[in-house]
C-alpha atoms as a PDB file:
ATOM      1  CA  MET A   1      -0.712 -13.922 -15.365  1.00  0.00           C
ATOM      2  CA  LYS A   2      -4.150 -13.392 -16.892  1.00  0.00           C
ATOM      3  CA  ASN A   3      -4.830 -10.047 -18.543  1.00  0.00           C
ATOM      4  CA  LYS A   4      -7.632  -9.162 -16.083  1.00  0.00           C
ATOM      5  CA  THR A   5      -5.400 -10.012 -13.119  1.00  0.00           C
ATOM      6  CA  LYS A   6      -2.496  -8.023 -14.567  1.00  0.00           C
ATOM      7  CA  LYS A   7      -4.804  -5.017 -15.019  1.00  0.00           C
ATOM      8  CA  TYR A   8      -5.853  -5.210 -11.373  1.00  0.00           C
ATOM      9  CA  ILE A   9      -2.255  -5.643 -10.205  1.00  0.00           C
ATOM     10  CA  ASN A  10      -1.220  -2.569 -12.188  1.00  0.00           C
ATOM     11  CA  LYS A  11      -3.991  -0.603 -10.425  1.00  0.00           C
ATOM     12  CA  VAL A  12      -2.618  -1.822  -7.091  1.00  0.00           C
ATOM     13  CA  VAL A  13       0.839  -0.567  -8.085  1.00  0.00           C
ATOM     14  CA  ASP A  14      -0.678   2.777  -9.141  1.00  0.00           C
ATOM     15  CA  HIS A  15      -2.303   3.116  -5.714  1.00  0.00           C
ATOM     16  CA  LEU A  16       0.902   2.191  -3.879  1.00  0.00           C
ATOM     17  CA  VAL A  17       2.937   4.724  -5.855  1.00  0.00           C
ATOM     18  CA  ASN A  18       0.308   7.440  -5.352  1.00  0.00           C
ATOM     19  CA  GLU A  19       0.168   6.711  -1.608  1.00  0.00           C
ATOM     20  CA  THR A  20       3.953   6.994  -1.287  1.00  0.00           C
ATOM     21  CA  LYS A  21       5.202  10.454  -0.450  1.00  0.00           C
ATOM     22  CA  ILE A  22       8.739  11.356  -1.492  1.00  0.00           C
ATOM     23  CA  GLU A  23      10.846  13.932   0.293  1.00  0.00           C
ATOM     24  CA  TYR A  24      13.458  14.443  -2.412  1.00  0.00           C
ATOM     25  CA  ASP A  25      15.794  16.798  -0.546  1.00  0.00           C
ATOM     26  CA  ARG A  26      16.107  14.442   2.452  1.00  0.00           C
ATOM     27  CA  GLU A  27      15.974  11.246   0.356  1.00  0.00           C
ATOM     28  CA  LYS A  28      13.104   9.917   2.460  1.00  0.00           C
ATOM     29  CA  LEU A  29      10.081   7.877   1.516  1.00  0.00           C
ATOM     30  CA  TYR A  30       6.808   7.785   3.390  1.00  0.00           C
ATOM     31  CA  VAL A  31       5.357   4.454   2.338  1.00  0.00           C
ATOM     32  CA  PRO A  32       1.813   3.366   3.173  1.00  0.00           C
ATOM     33  CA  PHE A  33       2.852  -0.071   4.378  1.00  0.00           C
ATOM     34  CA  PHE A  34       5.487   0.869   6.974  1.00  0.00           C
ATOM     35  CA  LYS A  35       5.356   3.624   9.583  1.00  0.00           C
ATOM     36  CA  THR A  36       8.368   4.779  11.553  1.00  0.00           C
ATOM     37  CA  ARG A  37       8.783   7.088  14.502  1.00  0.00           C
ATOM     38  CA  SER A  38      11.334   9.156  12.594  1.00  0.00           C
ATOM     39  CA  GLY A  39       8.820   9.796   9.853  1.00  0.00           C
ATOM     40  CA  GLY A  40      10.143   8.104   6.763  1.00  0.00           C
ATOM     41  CA  ILE A  41      12.557   5.528   5.507  1.00  0.00           C
ATOM     42  CA  SER A  42      15.668   6.229   3.493  1.00  0.00           C
ATOM     43  CA  TYR A  43      15.854   5.581  -0.240  1.00  0.00           C
ATOM     44  CA  ASP A  44      18.578   3.048   0.498  1.00  0.00           C
ATOM     45  CA  SER A  45      16.154   0.902   2.493  1.00  0.00           C
ATOM     46  CA  LEU A  46      14.266   0.137  -0.696  1.00  0.00           C
ATOM     47  CA  PHE A  47      16.814   0.741  -3.429  1.00  0.00           C
ATOM     48  CA  LEU A  48      20.011  -0.998  -2.396  1.00  0.00           C
ATOM     49  CA  PRO A  49      22.040  -2.133  -4.265  1.00  0.00           C
ATOM     50  CA  LYS A  50      22.364   0.870  -6.544  1.00  0.00           C
ATOM     51  CA  ASP A  51      24.217  -1.077  -9.238  1.00  0.00           C
ATOM     52  CA  PRO A  52      21.671  -1.270 -12.106  1.00  0.00           C
ATOM     53  CA  HIS A  53      23.042  -4.664 -13.173  1.00  0.00           C
ATOM     54  CA  THR A  54      22.270  -6.271  -9.823  1.00  0.00           C
ATOM     55  CA  TYR A  55      18.933  -7.994  -9.520  1.00  0.00           C
ATOM     56  CA  TYR A  56      17.244  -6.677  -6.399  1.00  0.00           C
ATOM     57  CA  SER A  57      14.848  -9.267  -5.146  1.00  0.00           C
ATOM     58  CA  TYR A  58      11.860  -8.568  -2.971  1.00  0.00           C
ATOM     59  CA  PHE A  59      13.257 -11.284  -0.730  1.00  0.00           C
ATOM     60  CA  ALA A  60      16.411  -9.215  -0.134  1.00  0.00           C
ATOM     61  CA  LEU A  61      14.389  -6.522   1.654  1.00  0.00           C
ATOM     62  CA  PRO A  62      14.858  -6.264   5.398  1.00  0.00           C
ATOM     63  CA  LEU A  63      12.411  -8.704   6.968  1.00  0.00           C
ATOM     64  CA  ASN A  64      10.320  -6.020   8.665  1.00  0.00           C
ATOM     65  CA  LEU A  65       9.785  -4.194   5.350  1.00  0.00           C
ATOM     66  CA  SER A  66       9.010  -7.292   3.301  1.00  0.00           C
ATOM     67  CA  PHE A  67       6.550  -8.546   5.915  1.00  0.00           C
ATOM     68  CA  ALA A  68       4.871  -5.129   6.142  1.00  0.00           C
ATOM     69  CA  PHE A  69       4.643  -4.809   2.346  1.00  0.00           C
ATOM     70  CA  SER A  70       3.209  -8.299   1.954  1.00  0.00           C
ATOM     71  CA  ARG A  71       0.679  -7.881   4.763  1.00  0.00           C
ATOM     72  CA  TYR A  72      -0.420  -4.470   3.502  1.00  0.00           C
ATOM     73  CA  CYS A  73      -0.944  -5.692  -0.074  1.00  0.00           C
ATOM     74  CA  LYS A  74      -2.895  -8.739   1.076  1.00  0.00           C
ATOM     75  CA  ASN A  75      -5.083  -6.832   3.547  1.00  0.00           C
ATOM     76  CA  MET A  76      -5.722  -3.729   1.437  1.00  0.00           C
ATOM     77  CA  TYR A  77      -5.948  -5.227  -2.033  1.00  0.00           C
ATOM     78  CA  GLY A  78      -6.604  -8.930  -1.528  1.00  0.00           C
ATOM     79  CA  VAL A  79      -3.643 -10.044  -3.621  1.00  0.00           C
ATOM     80  CA  MET A  80      -2.191 -13.521  -3.394  1.00  0.00           C
ATOM     81  CA  ASP A  81       1.247 -14.590  -2.147  1.00  0.00           C
ATOM     82  CA  GLY A  82       2.373 -15.387  -5.682  1.00  0.00           C
ATOM     83  CA  GLU A  83       1.648 -11.820  -6.839  1.00  0.00           C
ATOM     84  CA  ILE A  84       3.560  -9.985  -4.117  1.00  0.00           C
ATOM     85  CA  GLU A  85       7.019 -10.176  -5.703  1.00  0.00           C
ATOM     86  CA  TYR A  86       5.695  -8.939  -9.053  1.00  0.00           C
ATOM     87  CA  ILE A  87       3.933  -6.039  -7.313  1.00  0.00           C
ATOM     88  CA  TRP A  88       7.102  -5.231  -5.400  1.00  0.00           C
ATOM     89  CA  HIS A  89       9.226  -5.059  -8.559  1.00  0.00           C
ATOM     90  CA  GLN A  90       6.708  -2.880 -10.366  1.00  0.00           C
ATOM     91  CA  TYR A  91       6.359  -0.582  -7.343  1.00  0.00           C
ATOM     92  CA  ARG A  92      10.121  -0.313  -6.845  1.00  0.00           C
ATOM     93  CA  ASN A  93      10.761   0.384 -10.538  1.00  0.00           C
ATOM     94  CA  ARG A  94       8.057   3.050 -10.716  1.00  0.00           C
ATOM     95  CA  LEU A  95       9.372   4.807  -7.604  1.00  0.00           C
ATOM     96  CA  ASP A  96      12.928   4.573  -8.879  1.00  0.00           C
ATOM     97  CA  ASP A  97      11.876   6.178 -12.182  1.00  0.00           C
ATOM     98  CA  LYS A  98       9.945   8.895 -10.355  1.00  0.00           C
ATOM     99  CA  ILE A  99      12.976   9.744  -8.206  1.00  0.00           C
ATOM    100  CA  LYS A 100      15.422   9.680 -11.133  1.00  0.00           C
ATOM    101  CA  ASN A 101      13.166  11.939 -13.217  1.00  0.00           C
ATOM    102  CA  TYR A 102      12.586  14.483 -10.453  1.00  0.00           C
ATOM    103  CA  GLY A 103      13.675  18.019 -11.218  1.00  0.00           C
END
């Protein structure tokens, strides 16, 4: 990935993380790319499996979440298909760190 592209992608990840609201006590996430009637989605929806040695692929997301994430990133930020998985991993890792370091 070119340096200029990587810089832009990192800005996209920054925006996604900043747009995501975390309700720590209820373990809920309010993500910009997926709206639910109940309000948020559980941590487990994005962070399973919890085993740190297991590679969690973007493609292992429930179909409705992966489609929503992909569509949102393409429509809002103009990213390409080949960049989506990288963005997902960066986003997931940043949120995971934010949740682990809370408190």
